[in-house]
PDB file of all heavy atoms in Angstrom:
ATOM      1  N   ASN A   1      26.406  -2.067   2.667  1.00  0.00           N
ATOM      2  CA  ASN A   1      26.445  -2.464   1.250  1.00  0.00           C
ATOM      3  C   ASN A   1      25.071  -2.682   0.630  1.00  0.00           C
ATOM      4  O   ASN A   1      24.962  -2.930  -0.583  1.00  0.00           O
ATOM      5  CB  ASN A   1      27.312  -3.726   1.062  1.00  0.00           C
ATOM      6  CG  ASN A   1      26.751  -4.939   1.804  1.00  0.00           C
ATOM      7  OD1 ASN A   1      25.600  -4.968   2.222  1.00  0.00           O
ATOM      8  ND2 ASN A   1      27.601  -5.948   1.990  1.00  0.00           N
ATOM      9  N   ALA A   2      24.023  -2.617   1.422  1.00  0.00           N
ATOM     10  CA  ALA A   2      22.673  -2.935   0.949  1.00  0.00           C
ATOM     11  C   ALA A   2      22.262  -2.039  -0.230  1.00  0.00           C
ATOM     12  O   ALA A   2      21.743  -2.549  -1.245  1.00  0.00           O
ATOM     13  CB  ALA A   2      21.663  -2.823   2.077  1.00  0.00           C
ATOM     14  N   ASN A   3      22.466  -0.749  -0.104  1.00  0.00           N
ATOM     15  CA  ASN A   3      22.042   0.168  -1.172  1.00  0.00           C
ATOM     16  C   ASN A   3      22.750  -0.130  -2.494  1.00  0.00           C
ATOM     17  O   ASN A   3      22.121  -0.098  -3.554  1.00  0.00           O
ATOM     18  CB  ASN A   3      22.293   1.614  -0.749  1.00  0.00           C
ATOM     19  CG  ASN A   3      21.163   2.157   0.088  1.00  0.00           C
ATOM     20  OD1 ASN A   3      20.181   2.684  -0.424  1.00  0.00           O
ATOM     21  ND2 ASN A   3      21.269   2.019   1.419  1.00  0.00           N
ATOM     22  N   GLY A   4      24.027  -0.395  -2.435  1.00  0.00           N
ATOM     23  CA  GLY A   4      24.776  -0.692  -3.638  1.00  0.00           C
ATOM     24  C   GLY A   4      24.318  -1.988  -4.294  1.00  0.00           C
ATOM     25  O   GLY A   4      24.221  -2.076  -5.513  1.00  0.00           O
ATOM     26  N   LEU A   5      24.023  -2.998  -3.483  1.00  0.00           N
ATOM     27  CA  LEU A   5      23.642  -4.289  -4.008  1.00  0.00           C
ATOM     28  C   LEU A   5      22.198  -4.290  -4.569  1.00  0.00           C
ATOM     29  O   LEU A   5      21.868  -5.047  -5.464  1.00  0.00           O
ATOM     30  CB  LEU A   5      23.747  -5.360  -2.927  1.00  0.00           C
ATOM     31  CG  LEU A   5      25.179  -5.688  -2.451  1.00  0.00           C
ATOM     32  CD1 LEU A   5      25.131  -6.531  -1.184  1.00  0.00           C
ATOM     33  CD2 LEU A   5      25.945  -6.434  -3.548  1.00  0.00           C
ATOM     34  N   LEU A   6      21.354  -3.433  -3.996  1.00  0.00           N
ATOM     35  CA  LEU A   6      19.932  -3.478  -4.326  1.00  0.00           C
ATOM     36  C   LEU A   6      19.435  -2.255  -5.104  1.00  0.00           C
ATOM     37  O   LEU A   6      18.249  -2.105  -5.326  1.00  0.00           O
ATOM     38  CB  LEU A   6      19.122  -3.580  -3.023  1.00  0.00           C
ATOM     39  CG  LEU A   6      19.442  -4.775  -2.119  1.00  0.00           C
ATOM     40  CD1 LEU A   6      18.702  -4.664  -0.784  1.00  0.00           C
ATOM     41  CD2 LEU A   6      19.113  -6.085  -2.814  1.00  0.00           C
ATOM     42  N   SER A   7      20.339  -1.439  -5.580  1.00  0.00           N
ATOM     43  CA  SER A   7      19.942  -0.183  -6.222  1.00  0.00           C
ATOM     44  C   SER A   7      19.140  -0.366  -7.495  1.00  0.00           C
ATOM     45  O   SER A   7      18.286   0.436  -7.828  1.00  0.00           O
ATOM     46  CB  SER A   7      21.188   0.671  -6.516  1.00  0.00           C
ATOM     47  OG  SER A   7      22.072  -0.014  -7.392  1.00  0.00           O
ATOM     48  N   ASP A   8      19.382  -1.453  -8.223  1.00  0.00           N
ATOM     49  CA  ASP A   8      18.733  -1.620  -9.533  1.00  0.00           C
ATOM     50  C   ASP A   8      17.569  -2.591  -9.544  1.00  0.00           C
ATOM     51  O   ASP A   8      17.097  -2.986 -10.607  1.00  0.00           O
ATOM     52  CB  ASP A   8      19.790  -2.079 -10.563  1.00  0.00           C
ATOM     53  CG  ASP A   8      20.882  -1.063 -10.778  1.00  0.00           C
ATOM     54  OD1 ASP A   8      20.570   0.138 -10.696  1.00  0.00           O
ATOM     55  OD2 ASP A   8      22.020  -1.463 -11.054  1.00  0.00           O
ATOM     56  N   VAL A   9      17.104  -2.984  -8.376  1.00  0.00           N
ATOM     57  CA  VAL A   9      16.035  -3.992  -8.340  1.00  0.00           C
ATOM     58  C   VAL A   9      14.673  -3.342  -8.242  1.00  0.00           C
ATOM     59  O   VAL A   9      14.526  -2.220  -7.765  1.00  0.00           O
ATOM     60  CB  VAL A   9      16.224  -4.992  -7.174  1.00  0.00           C
ATOM     61  CG1 VAL A   9      17.610  -5.572  -7.191  1.00  0.00           C
ATOM     62  CG2 VAL A   9      15.935  -4.338  -5.822  1.00  0.00           C
ATOM     63  N   ASP A  10      13.651  -4.068  -8.683  1.00  0.00           N
ATOM     64  CA  ASP A  10      12.264  -3.603  -8.568  1.00  0.00           C
ATOM     65  C   ASP A  10      11.650  -4.043  -7.241  1.00  0.00           C
ATOM     66  O   ASP A  10      10.902  -3.294  -6.610  1.00  0.00           O
ATOM     67  CB  ASP A  10      11.434  -4.142  -9.726  1.00  0.00           C
ATOM     68  CG  ASP A  10      11.978  -3.722 -11.091  1.00  0.00           C
ATOM     69  OD1 ASP A  10      12.108  -2.501 -11.294  1.00  0.00           O
ATOM     70  OD2 ASP A  10      12.286  -4.600 -11.905  1.00  0.00           O
ATOM     71  N   ILE A  11      11.939  -5.270  -6.850  1.00  0.00           N
ATOM     72  CA  ILE A  11      11.342  -5.862  -5.644  1.00  0.00           C
ATOM     73  C   ILE A  11      12.436  -6.596  -4.870  1.00  0.00           C
ATOM     74  O   ILE A  11      13.276  -7.282  -5.470  1.00  0.00           O
ATOM     75  CB  ILE A  11      10.194  -6.830  -5.980  1.00  0.00           C
ATOM     76  CG1 ILE A  11       9.138  -6.122  -6.839  1.00  0.00           C
ATOM     77  CG2 ILE A  11       9.557  -7.397  -4.719  1.00  0.00           C
ATOM     78  CD1 ILE A  11       8.048  -7.039  -7.356  1.00  0.00           C
ATOM     79  N   ILE A  12      12.398  -6.472  -3.558  1.00  0.00           N
ATOM     80  CA  ILE A  12      13.355  -7.121  -2.659  1.00  0.00           C
ATOM     81  C   ILE A  12      12.622  -8.171  -1.845  1.00  0.00           C
ATOM     82  O   ILE A  12      11.613  -7.885  -1.220  1.00  0.00           O
ATOM     83  CB  ILE A  12      14.020  -6.106  -1.734  1.00  0.00           C
ATOM     84  CG1 ILE A  12      14.771  -5.043  -2.530  1.00  0.00           C
ATOM     85  CG2 ILE A  12      14.969  -6.803  -0.733  1.00  0.00           C
ATOM     86  CD1 ILE A  12      15.107  -3.800  -1.743  1.00  0.00           C
ATOM     87  N   CYS A  13      13.144  -9.392  -1.845  1.00  0.00           N
ATOM     88  CA  CYS A  13      12.609 -10.470  -1.011  1.00  0.00           C
ATOM     89  C   CYS A  13      13.567 -10.694   0.182  1.00  0.00           C
ATOM     90  O   CYS A  13      14.741 -11.024  -0.048  1.00  0.00           O
ATOM     91  CB  CYS A  13      12.466 -11.752  -1.789  1.00  0.00           C
ATOM     92  SG  CYS A  13      11.151 -11.723  -3.034  1.00  0.00           S
ATOM     93  N   GLU A  14      13.063 -10.500   1.358  1.00  0.00           N
ATOM     94  CA  GLU A  14      13.836 -10.829   2.581  1.00  0.00           C
ATOM     95  C   GLU A  14      13.598 -12.295   2.891  1.00  0.00           C
ATOM     96  O   GLU A  14      12.461 -12.718   3.103  1.00  0.00           O
ATOM     97  CB  GLU A  14      13.375  -9.924   3.738  1.00  0.00           C
ATOM     98  CG  GLU A  14      14.083 -10.206   5.060  1.00  0.00           C
ATOM     99  CD  GLU A  14      13.487 -11.382   5.810  1.00  0.00           C
ATOM    100  OE1 GLU A  14      12.246 -11.397   6.020  1.00  0.00           O
ATOM    101  OE2 GLU A  14      14.256 -12.292   6.158  1.00  0.00           O
ATOM    102  N   ALA A  15      14.678 -13.089   2.922  1.00  0.00           N
ATOM    103  CA  ALA A  15      14.529 -14.525   3.132  1.00  0.00           C
ATOM    104  C   ALA A  15      15.594 -15.055   4.088  1.00  0.00           C
ATOM    105  O   ALA A  15      16.106 -16.180   3.911  1.00  0.00           O
ATOM    106  CB  ALA A  15      14.617 -15.247   1.788  1.00  0.00           C
ATOM    107  N   PHE A  16      15.897 -14.300   5.098  1.00  0.00           N
ATOM    108  CA  PHE A  16      16.895 -14.712   6.085  1.00  0.00           C
ATOM    109  C   PHE A  16      16.281 -15.629   7.144  1.00  0.00           C
ATOM    110  O   PHE A  16      15.058 -15.595   7.367  1.00  0.00           O
ATOM    111  CB  PHE A  16      17.532 -13.495   6.776  1.00  0.00           C
ATOM    112  CG  PHE A  16      18.339 -12.600   5.876  1.00  0.00           C
ATOM    113  CD1 PHE A  16      18.121 -11.252   5.841  1.00  0.00           C
ATOM    114  CD2 PHE A  16      19.277 -13.136   5.008  1.00  0.00           C
ATOM    115  CE1 PHE A  16      18.862 -10.411   5.000  1.00  0.00           C
ATOM    116  CE2 PHE A  16      20.017 -12.329   4.165  1.00  0.00           C
ATOM    117  CZ  PHE A  16      19.818 -10.960   4.159  1.00  0.00           C
ATOM    118  N   ASP A  17      17.129 -16.399   7.803  1.00  0.00           N
ATOM    119  CA  ASP A  17      16.648 -17.250   8.889  1.00  0.00           C
ATOM    120  C   ASP A  17      17.140 -16.738  10.247  1.00  0.00           C
ATOM    121  O   ASP A  17      17.041 -17.416  11.262  1.00  0.00           O
ATOM    122  CB  ASP A  17      17.092 -18.706   8.706  1.00  0.00           C
ATOM    123  CG  ASP A  17      18.614 -18.847   8.588  1.00  0.00           C
ATOM    124  OD1 ASP A  17      19.324 -17.843   8.788  1.00  0.00           O
ATOM    125  OD2 ASP A  17      19.066 -19.970   8.311  1.00  0.00           O
ATOM    126  N   ASN A  18      17.622 -15.522  10.253  1.00  0.00           N
ATOM    127  CA  ASN A  18      18.156 -14.897  11.466  1.00  0.00           C
ATOM    128  C   ASN A  18      17.368 -13.615  11.761  1.00  0.00           C
ATOM    129  O   ASN A  18      17.228 -12.758  10.886  1.00  0.00           O
ATOM    130  CB  ASN A  18      19.653 -14.591  11.280  1.00  0.00           C
ATOM    131  CG  ASN A  18      20.238 -13.852  12.441  1.00  0.00           C
ATOM    132  OD1 ASN A  18      20.114 -12.635  12.542  1.00  0.00           O
ATOM    133  ND2 ASN A  18      20.895 -14.579  13.338  1.00  0.00           N
ATOM    134  N   ALA A  19      16.839 -13.500  12.995  1.00  0.00           N
ATOM    135  CA  ALA A  19      15.957 -12.383  13.329  1.00  0.00           C
ATOM    136  C   ALA A  19      16.666 -11.040  13.193  1.00  0.00           C
ATOM    137  O   ALA A  19      16.062 -10.059  12.693  1.00  0.00           O
ATOM    138  CB  ALA A  19      15.415 -12.550  14.742  1.00  0.00           C
ATOM    139  N   GLU A  20      17.937 -10.983  13.605  1.00  0.00           N
ATOM    140  CA  GLU A  20      18.655  -9.718  13.509  1.00  0.00           C
ATOM    141  C   GLU A  20      18.885  -9.323  12.037  1.00  0.00           C
ATOM    142  O   GLU A  20      18.775  -8.128  11.698  1.00  0.00           O
ATOM    143  CB  GLU A  20      20.019  -9.845  14.237  1.00  0.00           C
ATOM    144  CG  GLU A  20      19.921  -9.918  15.747  1.00  0.00           C
ATOM    145  CD  GLU A  20      19.439 -11.290  16.241  1.00  0.00           C
ATOM    146  OE1 GLU A  20      19.536 -12.282  15.467  1.00  0.00           O
ATOM    147  OE2 GLU A  20      18.962 -11.351  17.389  1.00  0.00           O
ATOM    148  N   ALA A  21      19.194 -10.297  11.210  1.00  0.00           N
ATOM    149  CA  ALA A  21      19.404  -9.988   9.792  1.00  0.00           C
ATOM    150  C   ALA A  21      18.095  -9.536   9.147  1.00  0.00           C
ATOM    151  O   ALA A  21      18.095  -8.627   8.309  1.00  0.00           O
ATOM    152  CB  ALA A  21      19.957 -11.227   9.092  1.00  0.00           C
ATOM    153  N   LYS A  22      17.003 -10.173   9.519  1.00  0.00           N
ATOM    154  CA  LYS A  22      15.699  -9.776   8.996  1.00  0.00           C
ATOM    155  C   LYS A  22      15.412  -8.314   9.349  1.00  0.00           C
ATOM    156  O   LYS A  22      15.040  -7.511   8.496  1.00  0.00           O
ATOM    157  CB  LYS A  22      14.595 -10.651   9.580  1.00  0.00           C
ATOM    158  CG  LYS A  22      14.522 -12.055   8.999  1.00  0.00           C
ATOM    159  CD  LYS A  22      13.449 -12.854   9.721  1.00  0.00           C
ATOM    160  CE  LYS A  22      13.238 -14.223   9.076  1.00  0.00           C
ATOM    161  NZ  LYS A  22      12.591 -14.138   7.772  1.00  0.00           N
ATOM    162  N   ALA A  23      15.573  -7.988  10.633  1.00  0.00           N
ATOM    163  CA  ALA A  23      15.281  -6.624  11.086  1.00  0.00           C
ATOM    164  C   ALA A  23      16.192  -5.614  10.410  1.00  0.00           C
ATOM    165  O   ALA A  23      15.763  -4.514  10.023  1.00  0.00           O
ATOM    166  CB  ALA A  23      15.450  -6.562  12.604  1.00  0.00           C
ATOM    167  N   MET A  24      17.470  -5.974  10.243  1.00  0.00           N
ATOM    168  CA  MET A  24      18.413  -5.077   9.574  1.00  0.00           C
ATOM    169  C   MET A  24      17.971  -4.752   8.164  1.00  0.00           C
ATOM    170  O   MET A  24      17.920  -3.576   7.757  1.00  0.00           O
ATOM    171  CB  MET A  24      19.804  -5.712   9.549  1.00  0.00           C
ATOM    172  CG  MET A  24      20.889  -4.893   8.828  1.00  0.00           C
ATOM    173  SD  MET A  24      20.893  -5.029   7.014  1.00  0.00           S
ATOM    174  CE  MET A  24      21.171  -6.805   6.804  1.00  0.00           C
ATOM    175  N   LEU A  25      17.613  -5.776   7.399  1.00  0.00           N
ATOM    176  CA  LEU A  25      17.268  -5.551   5.995  1.00  0.00           C
ATOM    177  C   LEU A  25      15.948  -4.771   5.896  1.00  0.00           C
ATOM    178  O   LEU A  25      15.864  -3.810   5.101  1.00  0.00           O
ATOM    179  CB  LEU A  25      17.135  -6.867   5.255  1.00  0.00           C
ATOM    180  CG  LEU A  25      16.837  -6.724   3.750  1.00  0.00           C
ATOM    181  CD1 LEU A  25      17.980  -5.980   3.048  1.00  0.00           C
ATOM    182  CD2 LEU A  25      16.611  -8.101   3.114  1.00  0.00           C
ATOM    183  N   VAL A  26      14.954  -5.145   6.678  1.00  0.00           N
ATOM    184  CA  VAL A  26      13.670  -4.440   6.634  1.00  0.00           C
ATOM    185  C   VAL A  26      13.857  -2.981   6.989  1.00  0.00           C
ATOM    186  O   VAL A  26      13.372  -2.084   6.274  1.00  0.00           O
ATOM    187  CB  VAL A  26      12.654  -5.116   7.570  1.00  0.00           C
ATOM    188  CG1 VAL A  26      11.414  -4.237   7.730  1.00  0.00           C
ATOM    189  CG2 VAL A  26      12.251  -6.490   7.012  1.00  0.00           C
ATOM    190  N   ASN A  27      14.562  -2.716   8.057  1.00  0.00           N
ATOM    191  CA  ASN A  27      14.770  -1.325   8.492  1.00  0.00           C
ATOM    192  C   ASN A  27      15.573  -0.530   7.452  1.00  0.00           C
ATOM    193  O   ASN A  27      15.257   0.637   7.173  1.00  0.00           O
ATOM    194  CB  ASN A  27      15.486  -1.294   9.832  1.00  0.00           C
ATOM    195  CG  ASN A  27      14.595  -1.794  10.967  1.00  0.00           C
ATOM    196  OD1 ASN A  27      13.378  -1.726  10.878  1.00  0.00           O
ATOM    197  ND2 ASN A  27      15.208  -2.290  12.039  1.00  0.00           N
ATOM    198  N   THR A  28      16.584  -1.164   6.891  1.00  0.00           N
ATOM    199  CA  THR A  28      17.429  -0.481   5.899  1.00  0.00           C
ATOM    200  C   THR A  28      16.623  -0.134   4.644  1.00  0.00           C
ATOM    201  O   THR A  28      16.724   0.984   4.129  1.00  0.00           O
ATOM    202  CB  THR A  28      18.634  -1.362   5.513  1.00  0.00           C
ATOM    203  OG1 THR A  28      19.439  -1.613   6.672  1.00  0.00           O
ATOM    204  CG2 THR A  28      19.489  -0.665   4.460  1.00  0.00           C
ATOM    205  N   VAL A  29      15.832  -1.069   4.172  1.00  0.00           N
ATOM    206  CA  VAL A  29      15.029  -0.799   2.977  1.00  0.00           C
ATOM    207  C   VAL A  29      13.973   0.263   3.233  1.00  0.00           C
ATOM    208  O   VAL A  29      13.802   1.199   2.449  1.00  0.00           O
ATOM    209  CB  VAL A  29      14.362  -2.117   2.476  1.00  0.00           C
ATOM    210  CG1 VAL A  29      13.384  -1.813   1.324  1.00  0.00           C
ATOM    211  CG2 VAL A  29      15.420  -3.111   2.015  1.00  0.00           C
ATOM    212  N   LEU A  30      13.261   0.144   4.355  1.00  0.00           N
ATOM    213  CA  LEU A  30      12.181   1.118   4.656  1.00  0.00           C
ATOM    214  C   LEU A  30      12.746   2.516   4.861  1.00  0.00           C
ATOM    215  O   LEU A  30      12.125   3.501   4.473  1.00  0.00           O
ATOM    216  CB  LEU A  30      11.424   0.658   5.879  1.00  0.00           C
ATOM    217  CG  LEU A  30      10.606  -0.617   5.742  1.00  0.00           C
ATOM    218  CD1 LEU A  30       9.895  -0.951   7.051  1.00  0.00           C
ATOM    219  CD2 LEU A  30       9.602  -0.530   4.601  1.00  0.00           C
ATOM    220  N   GLU A  31      13.946   2.602   5.440  1.00  0.00           N
ATOM    221  CA  GLU A  31      14.508   3.914   5.764  1.00  0.00           C
ATOM    222  C   GLU A  31      15.261   4.545   4.607  1.00  0.00           C
ATOM    223  O   GLU A  31      15.200   5.773   4.406  1.00  0.00           O
ATOM    224  CB  GLU A  31      15.445   3.793   6.969  1.00  0.00           C
ATOM    225  CG  GLU A  31      14.706   3.464   8.268  1.00  0.00           C
ATOM    226  CD  GLU A  31      15.673   3.165   9.411  1.00  0.00           C
ATOM    227  OE1 GLU A  31      16.896   3.352   9.206  1.00  0.00           O
ATOM    228  OE2 GLU A  31      15.217   2.743  10.489  1.00  0.00           O
ATOM    229  N   THR A  32      15.944   3.743   3.809  1.00  0.00           N
ATOM    230  CA  THR A  32      16.839   4.304   2.769  1.00  0.00           C
ATOM    231  C   THR A  32      16.377   4.026   1.351  1.00  0.00           C
ATOM    232  O   THR A  32      16.907   4.632   0.417  1.00  0.00           O
ATOM    233  CB  THR A  32      18.282   3.786   2.960  1.00  0.00           C
ATOM    234  OG1 THR A  32      18.325   2.385   2.671  1.00  0.00           O
ATOM    235  CG2 THR A  32      18.781   4.034   4.371  1.00  0.00           C
ATOM    236  N   MET A  33      15.463   3.086   1.182  1.00  0.00           N
ATOM    237  CA  MET A  33      14.941   2.758  -0.160  1.00  0.00           C
ATOM    238  C   MET A  33      13.428   2.687  -0.136  1.00  0.00           C
ATOM    239  O   MET A  33      12.808   1.667  -0.488  1.00  0.00           O
ATOM    240  CB  MET A  33      15.536   1.416  -0.609  1.00  0.00           C
ATOM    241  CG  MET A  33      17.032   1.424  -0.865  1.00  0.00           C
ATOM    242  SD  MET A  33      17.710  -0.238  -1.211  1.00  0.00           S
ATOM    243  CE  MET A  33      18.165  -0.751   0.466  1.00  0.00           C
ATOM    244  N   PRO A  34      12.775   3.753   0.279  1.00  0.00           N
ATOM    245  CA  PRO A  34      11.325   3.724   0.507  1.00  0.00           C
ATOM    246  C   PRO A  34      10.498   3.479  -0.752  1.00  0.00           C
ATOM    247  O   PRO A  34       9.321   3.115  -0.654  1.00  0.00           O
ATOM    248  CB  PRO A  34      11.028   5.124   1.078  1.00  0.00           C
ATOM    249  CG  PRO A  34      12.144   5.985   0.565  1.00  0.00           C
ATOM    250  CD  PRO A  34      13.343   5.101   0.557  1.00  0.00           C
ATOM    251  N   LYS A  35      11.083   3.661  -1.938  1.00  0.00           N
ATOM    252  CA  LYS A  35      10.316   3.441  -3.172  1.00  0.00           C
ATOM    253  C   LYS A  35      10.397   2.007  -3.687  1.00  0.00           C
ATOM    254  O   LYS A  35       9.730   1.659  -4.656  1.00  0.00           O
ATOM    255  CB  LYS A  35      10.810   4.413  -4.264  1.00  0.00           C
ATOM    256  CG  LYS A  35      10.500   5.873  -3.943  1.00  0.00           C
ATOM    257  CD  LYS A  35      10.889   6.799  -5.087  1.00  0.00           C
ATOM    258  CE  LYS A  35      10.548   8.248  -4.766  1.00  0.00           C
ATOM    259  NZ  LYS A  35      10.903   9.157  -5.891  1.00  0.00           N
ATOM    260  N   LYS A  36      11.230   1.185  -3.028  1.00  0.00           N
ATOM    261  CA  LYS A  36      11.314  -0.210  -3.409  1.00  0.00           C
ATOM    262  C   LYS A  36      10.211  -1.017  -2.765  1.00  0.00           C
ATOM    263  O   LYS A  36       9.797  -0.742  -1.634  1.00  0.00           O
ATOM    264  CB  LYS A  36      12.667  -0.797  -2.938  1.00  0.00           C
ATOM    265  CG  LYS A  36      13.894  -0.055  -3.444  1.00  0.00           C
ATOM    266  CD  LYS A  36      14.344  -0.543  -4.792  1.00  0.00           C
ATOM    267  CE  LYS A  36      15.674   0.100  -5.180  1.00  0.00           C
ATOM    268  NZ  LYS A  36      15.892  -0.020  -6.637  1.00  0.00           N
ATOM    269  N   TYR A  37       9.731  -2.046  -3.447  1.00  0.00           N
ATOM    270  CA  TYR A  37       8.818  -3.002  -2.835  1.00  0.00           C
ATOM    271  C   TYR A  37       9.611  -4.009  -2.040  1.00  0.00           C
ATOM    272  O   TYR A  37      10.665  -4.481  -2.485  1.00  0.00           O
ATOM    273  CB  TYR A  37       8.000  -3.723  -3.907  1.00  0.00           C
ATOM    274  CG  TYR A  37       6.889  -2.874  -4.488  1.00  0.00           C
ATOM    275  CD1 TYR A  37       7.066  -2.214  -5.694  1.00  0.00           C
ATOM    276  CD2 TYR A  37       5.686  -2.738  -3.818  1.00  0.00           C
ATOM    277  CE1 TYR A  37       6.047  -1.423  -6.240  1.00  0.00           C
ATOM    278  CE2 TYR A  37       4.669  -1.950  -4.345  1.00  0.00           C
ATOM    279  CZ  TYR A  37       4.850  -1.310  -5.558  1.00  0.00           C
ATOM    280  OH  TYR A  37       3.845  -0.522  -6.081  1.00  0.00           O
ATOM    281  N   LEU A  38       9.104  -4.356  -0.850  1.00  0.00           N
ATOM    282  CA  LEU A  38       9.756  -5.284   0.026  1.00  0.00           C
ATOM    283  C   LEU A  38       8.769  -6.382   0.448  1.00  0.00           C
ATOM    284  O   LEU A  38       7.677  -6.079   0.907  1.00  0.00           O
ATOM    285  CB  LEU A  38      10.288  -4.571   1.275  1.00  0.00           C
ATOM    286  CG  LEU A  38      10.870  -5.437   2.386  1.00  0.00           C
ATOM    287  CD1 LEU A  38      12.096  -6.203   1.894  1.00  0.00           C
ATOM    288  CD2 LEU A  38      11.216  -4.583   3.614  1.00  0.00           C
TER     289      LEU A  38
END
């Protein structure tokens, strides 16, 4: 659901307290939304 939720944003802030969730979001953004700032 990440792409649908974040499609219209300029910048994404990762603010999770779980290592797996952090890695998931970072990898998803870098791989599928490379033009977004993270």
